[in-house]
Amino acid sequence: MEIFVVLAGLALSYALWEAAGAFLVKQIRLPLLALLAINIAQIATTWFAGLAWGIVAGLICWPLLTSAVFISQGRKTTWKNVLTSLAVNVWITWLGCCAVALAHMDRGALMIALLVLMPVANDVGGWAAGVMFGKHPLAPKISPKKSWEGLAGSLALSVLVSWLFVGCVLQLSWAIITAVSLTAVVCSTGGDLIESVLKRKLGVKDMGSIFPGHGGMLDRLDSILMWAPLCYLIMVIA
């Protein structure tokens, strides 16, 4: 699991770098070095002391480190810079820490598999049903390719994967199977749509280009980040 934590830290750090570049298009300069330092501090604290202390670390480090950067910038700093910095920290680092907390649970490897499998099922089910049956746009002004038929496909495959993994592998109840499948679809689809709105506001096609033809790190992590806190909460309750 330590390897996963290191890889998660690298992926989230790269995602922060992508976000800083994307917001720079609109002349919003994020304190990138401060955000990277906060990211590492929160991830390390979450792994060694738990999610609650990881959040505390963020509450302490964010105002201290970002204020130092903003003060050094003087009049160049605006409230838009400050609030965007906080939003990016919560979106990428805080939600990412939930994935690290999942890895620290009993059967951590299975928890991480669940974290990744459900958004993949959502995407694959939505893509397949959308290609074959998609006729009614879900949110045409935000994401023209998404359809209600695709959403139904996402739900169908998510229920199947949840039953196979949560029910058969983790051996949890039908209540947990249902909660996982429904919540994963809502979070994964919502994560996609929220990032689509953000990209339209920023005027960028993708948040990055690390994956040729598939965009950047954030384009791959948007669903997982939104699903991570609910996945953690459900598994704690289970």
C-alpha atoms as a PDB file:
ATOM      1  CA  MET A   1       0.000   0.000   0.000  1.00  0.00           C
ATOM      2  CA  GLU A   2       2.927   2.356   0.529  1.00  0.00           C
ATOM      3  CA  ILE A   3       3.584   2.225  -3.213  1.00  0.00           C
ATOM      4  CA  PHE A   4      -0.009   3.250  -3.888  1.00  0.00           C
ATOM      5  CA  VAL A   5       0.319   6.196  -1.507  1.00  0.00           C
ATOM      6  CA  VAL A   6       3.461   7.384  -3.291  1.00  0.00           C
ATOM      7  CA  LEU A   7       1.799   7.017  -6.691  1.00  0.00           C
ATOM      8  CA  ALA A   8      -1.301   8.828  -5.411  1.00  0.00           C
ATOM      9  CA  GLY A   9       0.872  11.663  -4.166  1.00  0.00           C
ATOM     10  CA  LEU A  10       2.583  11.966  -7.541  1.00  0.00           C
ATOM     11  CA  ALA A  11      -0.715  11.815  -9.463  1.00  0.00           C
ATOM     12  CA  LEU A  12      -2.363  14.430  -7.259  1.00  0.00           C
ATOM     13  CA  SER A  13       0.690  16.679  -7.465  1.00  0.00           C
ATOM     14  CA  TYR A  14       0.615  16.455 -11.262  1.00  0.00           C
ATOM     15  CA  ALA A  15      -3.122  17.201 -11.183  1.00  0.00           C
ATOM     16  CA  LEU A  16      -2.409  20.351  -9.154  1.00  0.00           C
ATOM     17  CA  TRP A  17       0.165  21.398 -11.731  1.00  0.00           C
ATOM     18  CA  GLU A  18      -2.415  20.879 -14.507  1.00  0.00           C
ATOM     19  CA  ALA A  19      -5.016  22.901 -12.601  1.00  0.00           C
ATOM     20  CA  ALA A  20      -2.559  25.759 -12.091  1.00  0.00           C
ATOM     21  CA  GLY A  21      -1.840  25.822 -15.823  1.00  0.00           C
ATOM     22  CA  ALA A  22      -5.535  25.713 -16.752  1.00  0.00           C
ATOM     23  CA  PHE A  23      -6.493  28.597 -14.450  1.00  0.00           C
ATOM     24  CA  LEU A  24      -3.570  30.642 -15.736  1.00  0.00           C
ATOM     25  CA  VAL A  25      -5.480  30.857 -19.032  1.00  0.00           C
ATOM     26  CA  LYS A  26      -7.887  33.176 -17.196  1.00  0.00           C
ATOM     27  CA  GLN A  27      -5.037  35.051 -15.472  1.00  0.00           C
ATOM     28  CA  ILE A  28      -5.726  33.305 -12.159  1.00  0.00           C
ATOM     29  CA  ARG A  29      -2.316  32.517 -10.684  1.00  0.00           C
ATOM     30  CA  LEU A  30      -2.358  29.747  -8.064  1.00  0.00           C
ATOM     31  CA  PRO A  31       0.392  29.405  -5.426  1.00  0.00           C
ATOM     32  CA  LEU A  32       1.533  26.111  -6.956  1.00  0.00           C
ATOM     33  CA  LEU A  33       4.560  25.416  -4.743  1.00  0.00           C
ATOM     34  CA  ALA A  34       2.470  26.013  -1.629  1.00  0.00           C
ATOM     35  CA  LEU A  35      -0.318  23.753  -2.913  1.00  0.00           C
ATOM     36  CA  LEU A  36       2.195  21.007  -3.720  1.00  0.00           C
ATOM     37  CA  ALA A  37       3.699  21.230  -0.228  1.00  0.00           C
ATOM     38  CA  ILE A  38       0.225  21.138   1.344  1.00  0.00           C
ATOM     39  CA  ASN A  39      -0.668  18.152  -0.835  1.00  0.00           C
ATOM     40  CA  ILE A  40       2.319  16.126   0.370  1.00  0.00           C
ATOM     41  CA  ALA A  41       1.720  17.148   4.002  1.00  0.00           C
ATOM     42  CA  GLN A  42      -1.935  16.135   3.906  1.00  0.00           C
ATOM     43  CA  ILE A  43      -1.291  12.824   2.172  1.00  0.00           C
ATOM     44  CA  ALA A  44       1.503  11.883   4.578  1.00  0.00           C
ATOM     45  CA  THR A  45      -0.563  12.906   7.621  1.00  0.00           C
ATOM     46  CA  THR A  46      -3.582  10.958   6.353  1.00  0.00           C
ATOM     47  CA  TRP A  47      -1.493   7.836   5.844  1.00  0.00           C
ATOM     48  CA  PHE A  48       0.284   7.941   9.186  1.00  0.00           C
ATOM     49  CA  ALA A  49      -2.396   9.495  11.420  1.00  0.00           C
ATOM     50  CA  GLY A  50      -5.756   9.087   9.680  1.00  0.00           C
ATOM     51  CA  LEU A  51      -8.127  11.131   7.525  1.00  0.00           C
ATOM     52  CA  ALA A  52      -9.256  13.462  10.316  1.00  0.00           C
ATOM     53  CA  TRP A  53      -5.679  14.546  11.004  1.00  0.00           C
ATOM     54  CA  GLY A  54      -5.073  14.879   7.270  1.00  0.00           C
ATOM     55  CA  ILE A  55      -7.909  17.395   7.119  1.00  0.00           C
ATOM     56  CA  VAL A  56      -6.508  19.196  10.174  1.00  0.00           C
ATOM     57  CA  ALA A  57      -3.141  19.378   8.415  1.00  0.00           C
ATOM     58  CA  GLY A  58      -4.847  21.043   5.474  1.00  0.00           C
ATOM     59  CA  LEU A  59      -6.656  23.514   7.713  1.00  0.00           C
ATOM     60  CA  ILE A  60      -3.328  24.496   9.271  1.00  0.00           C
ATOM     61  CA  CYS A  61      -1.046  24.393   6.230  1.00  0.00           C
ATOM     62  CA  TRP A  62      -3.291  26.054   3.649  1.00  0.00           C
ATOM     63  CA  PRO A  63      -3.644  29.466   5.351  1.00  0.00           C
ATOM     64  CA  LEU A  64      -0.024  29.517   6.505  1.00  0.00           C
ATOM     65  CA  LEU A  65       1.658  28.568   3.231  1.00  0.00           C
ATOM     66  CA  THR A  66      -0.685  30.254   0.778  1.00  0.00           C
ATOM     67  CA  SER A  67      -0.804  33.496   2.766  1.00  0.00           C
ATOM     68  CA  ALA A  68       2.994  33.626   2.690  1.00  0.00           C
ATOM     69  CA  VAL A  69       2.903  33.376  -1.101  1.00  0.00           C
ATOM     70  CA  PHE A  70       0.036  35.835  -1.516  1.00  0.00           C
ATOM     71  CA  ILE A  71       1.672  38.396   0.791  1.00  0.00           C
ATOM     72  CA  SER A  72       4.886  38.161  -1.227  1.00  0.00           C
ATOM     73  CA  GLN A  73       2.875  38.870  -4.398  1.00  0.00           C
ATOM     74  CA  GLY A  74       1.400  42.036  -2.942  1.00  0.00           C
ATOM     75  CA  ARG A  75      -1.223  43.773  -5.067  1.00  0.00           C
ATOM     76  CA  LYS A  76      -1.151  41.007  -7.651  1.00  0.00           C
ATOM     77  CA  THR A  77      -3.264  38.862  -5.320  1.00  0.00           C
ATOM     78  CA  THR A  78      -7.066  39.043  -5.596  1.00  0.00           C
ATOM     79  CA  TRP A  79      -9.867  37.292  -3.754  1.00  0.00           C
ATOM     80  CA  LYS A  80     -10.387  35.235  -6.893  1.00  0.00           C
ATOM     81  CA  ASN A  81      -6.845  33.859  -6.528  1.00  0.00           C
ATOM     82  CA  VAL A  82      -7.393  33.072  -2.841  1.00  0.00           C
ATOM     83  CA  LEU A  83     -10.772  31.372  -3.241  1.00  0.00           C
ATOM     84  CA  THR A  84      -9.659  29.428  -6.317  1.00  0.00           C
ATOM     85  CA  SER A  85      -6.606  28.206  -4.412  1.00  0.00           C
ATOM     86  CA  LEU A  86      -8.833  26.953  -1.598  1.00  0.00           C
ATOM     87  CA  ALA A  87     -11.260  25.291  -4.020  1.00  0.00           C
ATOM     88  CA  VAL A  88      -8.441  23.499  -5.859  1.00  0.00           C
ATOM     89  CA  ASN A  89      -6.942  22.336  -2.556  1.00  0.00           C
ATOM     90  CA  VAL A  90     -10.275  20.856  -1.458  1.00  0.00           C
ATOM     91  CA  TRP A  91     -11.086  19.381  -4.872  1.00  0.00           C
ATOM     92  CA  ILE A  92      -7.781  17.629  -5.485  1.00  0.00           C
ATOM     93  CA  THR A  93      -5.974  17.179  -2.171  1.00  0.00           C
ATOM     94  CA  TRP A  94      -8.805  16.762   0.342  1.00  0.00           C
ATOM     95  CA  LEU A  95     -10.758  14.373  -1.882  1.00  0.00           C
ATOM     96  CA  GLY A  96      -7.534  12.586  -2.812  1.00  0.00           C
ATOM     97  CA  CYS A  97      -6.805  12.023   0.872  1.00  0.00           C
ATOM     98  CA  CYS A  98     -10.003   9.957   1.055  1.00  0.00           C
ATOM     99  CA  ALA A  99      -8.391   7.521  -1.410  1.00  0.00           C
ATOM    100  CA  VAL A 100      -5.317   7.317   0.836  1.00  0.00           C
ATOM    101  CA  ALA A 101      -7.593   6.683   3.828  1.00  0.00           C
ATOM    102  CA  LEU A 102      -9.248   3.831   1.916  1.00  0.00           C
ATOM    103  CA  ALA A 103      -5.845   2.258   1.315  1.00  0.00           C
ATOM    104  CA  HIS A 104      -5.206   2.345   5.071  1.00  0.00           C
ATOM    105  CA  MET A 105      -8.363   0.375   5.890  1.00  0.00           C
ATOM    106  CA  ASP A 106      -8.512  -3.381   6.391  1.00  0.00           C
ATOM    107  CA  ARG A 107      -8.292  -5.090   2.980  1.00  0.00           C
ATOM    108  CA  GLY A 108      -6.847  -1.864   1.618  1.00  0.00           C
ATOM    109  CA  ALA A 109      -6.022  -3.328  -1.780  1.00  0.00           C
ATOM    110  CA  LEU A 110      -9.669  -4.345  -2.245  1.00  0.00           C
ATOM    111  CA  MET A 111     -10.818  -0.895  -1.134  1.00  0.00           C
ATOM    112  CA  ILE A 112      -8.645   0.734  -3.805  1.00  0.00           C
ATOM    113  CA  ALA A 113      -9.929  -1.749  -6.386  1.00  0.00           C
ATOM    114  CA  LEU A 114     -13.489  -0.698  -5.478  1.00  0.00           C
ATOM    115  CA  LEU A 115     -12.514   2.972  -5.729  1.00  0.00           C
ATOM    116  CA  VAL A 116     -11.279   2.486  -9.286  1.00  0.00           C
ATOM    117  CA  LEU A 117     -13.683  -0.193 -10.550  1.00  0.00           C
ATOM    118  CA  MET A 118     -16.911   1.720  -9.967  1.00  0.00           C
ATOM    119  CA  PRO A 119     -15.999   4.849 -11.990  1.00  0.00           C
ATOM    120  CA  VAL A 120     -14.653   2.560 -14.730  1.00  0.00           C
ATOM    121  CA  ALA A 121     -17.957   0.650 -14.759  1.00  0.00           C
ATOM    122  CA  ASN A 122     -19.814   3.959 -14.891  1.00  0.00           C
ATOM    123  CA  ASP A 123     -17.737   5.179 -17.858  1.00  0.00           C
ATOM    124  CA  VAL A 124     -17.798   1.904 -19.806  1.00  0.00           C
ATOM    125  CA  GLY A 125     -21.513   1.306 -19.248  1.00  0.00           C
ATOM    126  CA  GLY A 126     -22.332   4.884 -20.194  1.00  0.00           C
ATOM    127  CA  TRP A 127     -20.150   4.820 -23.290  1.00  0.00           C
ATOM    128  CA  ALA A 128     -21.513   1.492 -24.563  1.00  0.00           C
ATOM    129  CA  ALA A 129     -25.172   2.344 -24.006  1.00  0.00           C
ATOM    130  CA  GLY A 130     -24.658   5.849 -25.348  1.00  0.00           C
ATOM    131  CA  VAL A 131     -23.077   4.610 -28.566  1.00  0.00           C
ATOM    132  CA  MET A 132     -25.748   1.967 -29.161  1.00  0.00           C
ATOM    133  CA  PHE A 133     -28.897   3.663 -27.904  1.00  0.00           C
ATOM    134  CA  GLY A 134     -28.104   7.298 -27.069  1.00  0.00           C
ATOM    135  CA  LYS A 135     -30.770   9.650 -28.446  1.00  0.00           C
ATOM    136  CA  HIS A 136     -31.752  11.930 -25.566  1.00  0.00           C
ATOM    137  CA  PRO A 137     -29.009  14.320 -24.345  1.00  0.00           C
ATOM    138  CA  LEU A 138     -28.467  14.391 -20.592  1.00  0.00           C
ATOM    139  CA  ALA A 139     -26.876  17.852 -20.398  1.00  0.00           C
ATOM    140  CA  PRO A 140     -26.354  19.113 -23.973  1.00  0.00           C
ATOM    141  CA  LYS A 141     -24.926  22.500 -22.976  1.00  0.00           C
ATOM    142  CA  ILE A 142     -22.368  20.928 -20.638  1.00  0.00           C
ATOM    143  CA  SER A 143     -21.448  17.574 -22.169  1.00  0.00           C
ATOM    144  CA  PRO A 144     -23.143  16.928 -25.537  1.00  0.00           C
ATOM    145  CA  LYS A 145     -21.984  13.298 -25.705  1.00  0.00           C
ATOM    146  CA  LYS A 146     -23.763  12.213 -22.518  1.00  0.00           C
ATOM    147  CA  SER A 147     -27.283  10.835 -22.868  1.00  0.00           C
ATOM    148  CA  TRP A 148     -30.017   9.495 -20.617  1.00  0.00           C
ATOM    149  CA  GLU A 149     -29.588   6.117 -22.289  1.00  0.00           C
ATOM    150  CA  GLY A 150     -25.895   6.282 -21.403  1.00  0.00           C
ATOM    151  CA  LEU A 151     -26.784   7.060 -17.798  1.00  0.00           C
ATOM    152  CA  ALA A 152     -29.021   3.979 -17.742  1.00  0.00           C
ATOM    153  CA  GLY A 153     -26.115   1.926 -19.094  1.00  0.00           C
ATOM    154  CA  SER A 154     -23.837   3.349 -16.400  1.00  0.00           C
ATOM    155  CA  LEU A 155     -26.328   2.342 -13.725  1.00  0.00           C
ATOM    156  CA  ALA A 156     -26.817  -1.156 -15.159  1.00  0.00           C
ATOM    157  CA  LEU A 157     -23.111  -1.984 -15.350  1.00  0.00           C
ATOM    158  CA  SER A 158     -22.429  -0.349 -11.977  1.00  0.00           C
ATOM    159  CA  VAL A 159     -25.073  -2.529 -10.323  1.00  0.00           C
ATOM    160  CA  LEU A 160     -23.543  -5.626 -11.922  1.00  0.00           C
ATOM    161  CA  VAL A 161     -19.989  -4.739 -10.897  1.00  0.00           C
ATOM    162  CA  SER A 162     -21.132  -3.761  -7.406  1.00  0.00           C
ATOM    163  CA  TRP A 163     -22.946  -7.088  -6.994  1.00  0.00           C
ATOM    164  CA  LEU A 164     -19.912  -9.070  -8.199  1.00  0.00           C
ATOM    165  CA  PHE A 165     -17.325  -7.139  -6.198  1.00  0.00           C
ATOM    166  CA  VAL A 166     -19.131  -5.812  -3.129  1.00  0.00           C
ATOM    167  CA  GLY A 167     -21.438  -8.795  -2.780  1.00  0.00           C
ATOM    168  CA  CYS A 168     -19.295 -11.726  -3.891  1.00  0.00           C
ATOM    169  CA  VAL A 169     -15.755 -10.560  -3.103  1.00  0.00           C
ATOM    170  CA  LEU A 170     -16.270  -8.286  -0.080  1.00  0.00           C
ATOM    171  CA  GLN A 171     -19.358 -10.284   0.985  1.00  0.00           C
ATOM    172  CA  LEU A 172     -21.356  -7.261   2.081  1.00  0.00           C
ATOM    173  CA  SER A 173     -25.129  -6.845   2.215  1.00  0.00           C
ATOM    174  CA  TRP A 174     -27.527  -5.854  -0.541  1.00  0.00           C
ATOM    175  CA  ALA A 175     -27.979  -2.500   1.162  1.00  0.00           C
ATOM    176  CA  ILE A 176     -24.264  -1.780   0.708  1.00  0.00           C
ATOM    177  CA  ILE A 177     -24.310  -3.154  -2.860  1.00  0.00           C
ATOM    178  CA  THR A 178     -27.158  -0.773  -3.719  1.00  0.00           C
ATOM    179  CA  ALA A 179     -25.552   2.177  -1.944  1.00  0.00           C
ATOM    180  CA  VAL A 180     -22.247   1.619  -3.739  1.00  0.00           C
ATOM    181  CA  SER A 181     -23.782   1.294  -7.212  1.00  0.00           C
ATOM    182  CA  LEU A 182     -26.135   4.287  -6.949  1.00  0.00           C
ATOM    183  CA  THR A 183     -23.646   6.577  -5.210  1.00  0.00           C
ATOM    184  CA  ALA A 184     -20.851   5.689  -7.628  1.00  0.00           C
ATOM    185  CA  VAL A 185     -22.999   6.576 -10.636  1.00  0.00           C
ATOM    186  CA  VAL A 186     -24.077   9.908  -9.145  1.00  0.00           C
ATOM    187  CA  CYS A 187     -20.549  10.844  -8.035  1.00  0.00           C
ATOM    188  CA  SER A 188     -18.785   9.679 -11.197  1.00  0.00           C
ATOM    189  CA  THR A 189     -21.247  11.315 -13.574  1.00  0.00           C
ATOM    190  CA  GLY A 190     -21.331  14.431 -11.416  1.00  0.00           C
ATOM    191  CA  GLY A 191     -17.539  14.600 -11.378  1.00  0.00           C
ATOM    192  CA  ASP A 192     -17.445  14.436 -15.174  1.00  0.00           C
ATOM    193  CA  LEU A 193     -20.078  17.136 -15.561  1.00  0.00           C
ATOM    194  CA  ILE A 194     -18.512  19.465 -13.003  1.00  0.00           C
ATOM    195  CA  GLU A 195     -15.151  19.272 -14.742  1.00  0.00           C
ATOM    196  CA  SER A 196     -16.854  19.812 -18.107  1.00  0.00           C
ATOM    197  CA  VAL A 197     -18.411  23.009 -16.755  1.00  0.00           C
ATOM    198  CA  LEU A 198     -15.033  24.135 -15.420  1.00  0.00           C
ATOM    199  CA  LYS A 199     -13.286  23.476 -18.726  1.00  0.00           C
ATOM    200  CA  ARG A 200     -15.946  25.448 -20.586  1.00  0.00           C
ATOM    201  CA  LYS A 201     -15.529  28.357 -18.158  1.00  0.00           C
ATOM    202  CA  LEU A 202     -11.754  28.268 -18.619  1.00  0.00           C
ATOM    203  CA  GLY A 203     -11.985  27.782 -22.378  1.00  0.00           C
ATOM    204  CA  VAL A 204      -9.821  24.647 -22.486  1.00  0.00           C
ATOM    205  CA  LYS A 205     -10.544  21.327 -24.194  1.00  0.00           C
ATOM    206  CA  ASP A 206      -8.653  19.201 -21.662  1.00  0.00           C
ATOM    207  CA  MET A 207      -6.982  19.938 -18.349  1.00  0.00           C
ATOM    208  CA  GLY A 208      -3.737  18.454 -19.670  1.00  0.00           C
ATOM    209  CA  SER A 209      -2.204  16.181 -22.274  1.00  0.00           C
ATOM    210  CA  ILE A 210      -0.298  13.519 -20.341  1.00  0.00           C
ATOM    211  CA  PHE A 211      -2.541  10.820 -21.873  1.00  0.00           C
ATOM    212  CA  PRO A 212      -2.561  11.389 -25.661  1.00  0.00           C
ATOM    213  CA  GLY A 213      -6.132  11.344 -26.912  1.00  0.00           C
ATOM    214  CA  HIS A 214      -7.547  11.132 -23.381  1.00  0.00           C
ATOM    215  CA  GLY A 215      -6.550  14.460 -21.865  1.00  0.00           C
ATOM    216  CA  GLY A 216      -4.715  15.071 -18.621  1.00  0.00           C
ATOM    217  CA  MET A 217      -4.447  13.552 -15.171  1.00  0.00           C
ATOM    218  CA  LEU A 218      -7.446  15.521 -13.915  1.00  0.00           C
ATOM    219  CA  ASP A 219      -9.502  14.300 -16.862  1.00  0.00           C
ATOM    220  CA  ARG A 220      -8.848  10.749 -15.632  1.00  0.00           C
ATOM    221  CA  LEU A 221      -9.242  11.487 -11.907  1.00  0.00           C
ATOM    222  CA  ASP A 222     -12.364  13.674 -11.890  1.00  0.00           C
ATOM    223  CA  SER A 223     -14.769  10.760 -11.336  1.00  0.00           C
ATOM    224  CA  ILE A 224     -12.518   8.980  -8.840  1.00  0.00           C
ATOM    225  CA  LEU A 225     -11.974  12.136  -6.773  1.00  0.00           C
ATOM    226  CA  MET A 226     -15.707  12.796  -6.471  1.00  0.00           C
ATOM    227  CA  TRP A 227     -16.426   9.143  -5.622  1.00  0.00           C
ATOM    228  CA  ALA A 228     -13.589   8.756  -3.077  1.00  0.00           C
ATOM    229  CA  PRO A 229     -15.195  10.425  -0.008  1.00  0.00           C
ATOM    230  CA  LEU A 230     -18.515   8.616  -0.437  1.00  0.00           C
ATOM    231  CA  CYS A 231     -16.721   5.316  -1.063  1.00  0.00           C
ATOM    232  CA  TYR A 232     -14.772   5.823   2.156  1.00  0.00           C
ATOM    233  CA  LEU A 233     -17.911   6.722   4.112  1.00  0.00           C
ATOM    234  CA  ILE A 234     -19.844   3.695   2.845  1.00  0.00           C
ATOM    235  CA  MET A 235     -16.996   1.332   3.645  1.00  0.00           C
ATOM    236  CA  VAL A 236     -16.663   2.805   7.159  1.00  0.00           C
ATOM    237  CA  ILE A 237     -20.381   2.234   7.747  1.00  0.00           C
ATOM    238  CA  ALA A 238     -20.235  -1.256   6.217  1.00  0.00           C
END
